[in-house]
Amino acid sequence: MRRWTGNSARTVPATRAHLAQMAATKAGILDEWERDARTLTGQDARNLILTIHEDAGTAR
């Protein structure tokens, strides 16, 4: 990843409960993840974050 973009890549394991807590507190990093996330496997990260925001009542 570093050779390709100049940036490092990280995996971030997070439960739905943790993401919901982040949405409820309006954690700015969640917006960054929504914008920048690239799903490698499993549920699409952007759709998950949008759903979490909707469930928390913080959807834009």
C-alpha atoms as a PDB file:
ATOM      1  CA  MET A   1       0.000   0.000   0.000  1.00  0.00           C
ATOM      2  CA  ARG A   2       2.757   2.441   0.892  1.00  0.00           C
ATOM      3  CA  ARG A   3       4.387   2.041  -2.539  1.00  0.00           C
ATOM      4  CA  TRP A   4       1.070   2.535  -4.284  1.00  0.00           C
ATOM      5  CA  THR A   5      -0.264   5.544  -2.341  1.00  0.00           C
ATOM      6  CA  GLY A   6       2.533   6.744  -0.090  1.00  0.00           C
ATOM      7  CA  ASN A   7       0.316   5.970   2.903  1.00  0.00           C
ATOM      8  CA  SER A   8       0.145   3.022   5.232  1.00  0.00           C
ATOM      9  CA  ALA A   9      -2.974   0.888   5.427  1.00  0.00           C
ATOM     10  CA  ARG A  10      -4.539  -0.492   8.567  1.00  0.00           C
ATOM     11  CA  THR A  11      -7.330  -2.847   9.381  1.00  0.00           C
ATOM     12  CA  VAL A  12      -9.660  -1.638  12.077  1.00  0.00           C
ATOM     13  CA  PRO A  13     -11.781  -4.268  13.773  1.00  0.00           C
ATOM     14  CA  ALA A  14     -14.864  -2.689  15.314  1.00  0.00           C
ATOM     15  CA  THR A  15     -18.157  -4.086  16.516  1.00  0.00           C
ATOM     16  CA  ARG A  16     -21.511  -2.614  15.515  1.00  0.00           C
ATOM     17  CA  ALA A  17     -21.915  -1.523  19.145  1.00  0.00           C
ATOM     18  CA  HIS A  18     -18.613   0.353  19.044  1.00  0.00           C
ATOM     19  CA  LEU A  19     -19.529   2.026  15.742  1.00  0.00           C
ATOM     20  CA  ALA A  20     -22.938   2.970  17.174  1.00  0.00           C
ATOM     21  CA  GLN A  21     -21.250   4.534  20.183  1.00  0.00           C
ATOM     22  CA  MET A  22     -18.957   6.483  17.861  1.00  0.00           C
ATOM     23  CA  ALA A  23     -21.969   7.688  15.845  1.00  0.00           C
ATOM     24  CA  ALA A  24     -23.843   8.721  18.998  1.00  0.00           C
ATOM     25  CA  THR A  25     -20.878  10.819  20.128  1.00  0.00           C
ATOM     26  CA  LYS A  26     -20.421  12.152  16.586  1.00  0.00           C
ATOM     27  CA  ALA A  27     -16.839  10.928  16.385  1.00  0.00           C
ATOM     28  CA  GLY A  28     -15.270  12.649  13.379  1.00  0.00           C
ATOM     29  CA  ILE A  29     -13.187   9.610  12.481  1.00  0.00           C
ATOM     30  CA  LEU A  30     -16.383   7.785  11.544  1.00  0.00           C
ATOM     31  CA  ASP A  31     -17.024  10.345   8.805  1.00  0.00           C
ATOM     32  CA  GLU A  32     -13.469   9.886   7.569  1.00  0.00           C
ATOM     33  CA  TRP A  33     -13.914   6.117   7.497  1.00  0.00           C
ATOM     34  CA  GLU A  34     -17.167   6.527   5.599  1.00  0.00           C
ATOM     35  CA  ARG A  35     -15.371   8.661   3.017  1.00  0.00           C
ATOM     36  CA  ASP A  36     -12.121   6.710   2.748  1.00  0.00           C
ATOM     37  CA  ALA A  37     -12.949   3.084   3.627  1.00  0.00           C
ATOM     38  CA  ARG A  38     -12.112   0.335   1.166  1.00  0.00           C
ATOM     39  CA  THR A  39     -13.756  -2.967   1.978  1.00  0.00           C
ATOM     40  CA  LEU A  40     -11.565  -5.979   1.302  1.00  0.00           C
ATOM     41  CA  THR A  41     -13.947  -8.643   2.555  1.00  0.00           C
ATOM     42  CA  GLY A  42     -17.261  -8.872   4.354  1.00  0.00           C
ATOM     43  CA  GLN A  43     -19.956  -6.227   4.621  1.00  0.00           C
ATOM     44  CA  ASP A  44     -19.300  -2.977   2.770  1.00  0.00           C
ATOM     45  CA  ALA A  45     -17.862  -0.527   5.296  1.00  0.00           C
ATOM     46  CA  ARG A  46     -19.529   2.562   3.827  1.00  0.00           C
ATOM     47  CA  ASN A  47     -22.986   0.990   3.831  1.00  0.00           C
ATOM     48  CA  LEU A  48     -22.452  -0.260   7.375  1.00  0.00           C
ATOM     49  CA  ILE A  49     -21.447   3.195   8.605  1.00  0.00           C
ATOM     50  CA  LEU A  50     -24.443   4.777   6.847  1.00  0.00           C
ATOM     51  CA  THR A  51     -26.731   2.231   8.527  1.00  0.00           C
ATOM     52  CA  ILE A  52     -25.126   2.906  11.909  1.00  0.00           C
ATOM     53  CA  HIS A  53     -25.705   6.665  11.428  1.00  0.00           C
ATOM     54  CA  GLU A  54     -29.339   6.052  10.480  1.00  0.00           C
ATOM     55  CA  ASP A  55     -29.895   3.810  13.506  1.00  0.00           C
ATOM     56  CA  ALA A  56     -28.256   6.388  15.804  1.00  0.00           C
ATOM     57  CA  GLY A  57     -30.303   9.236  14.334  1.00  0.00           C
ATOM     58  CA  THR A  58     -27.157  10.989  13.159  1.00  0.00           C
ATOM     59  CA  ALA A  59     -27.622  10.478   9.411  1.00  0.00           C
ATOM     60  CA  ARG A  60     -26.857  13.474   7.244  1.00  0.00           C
END
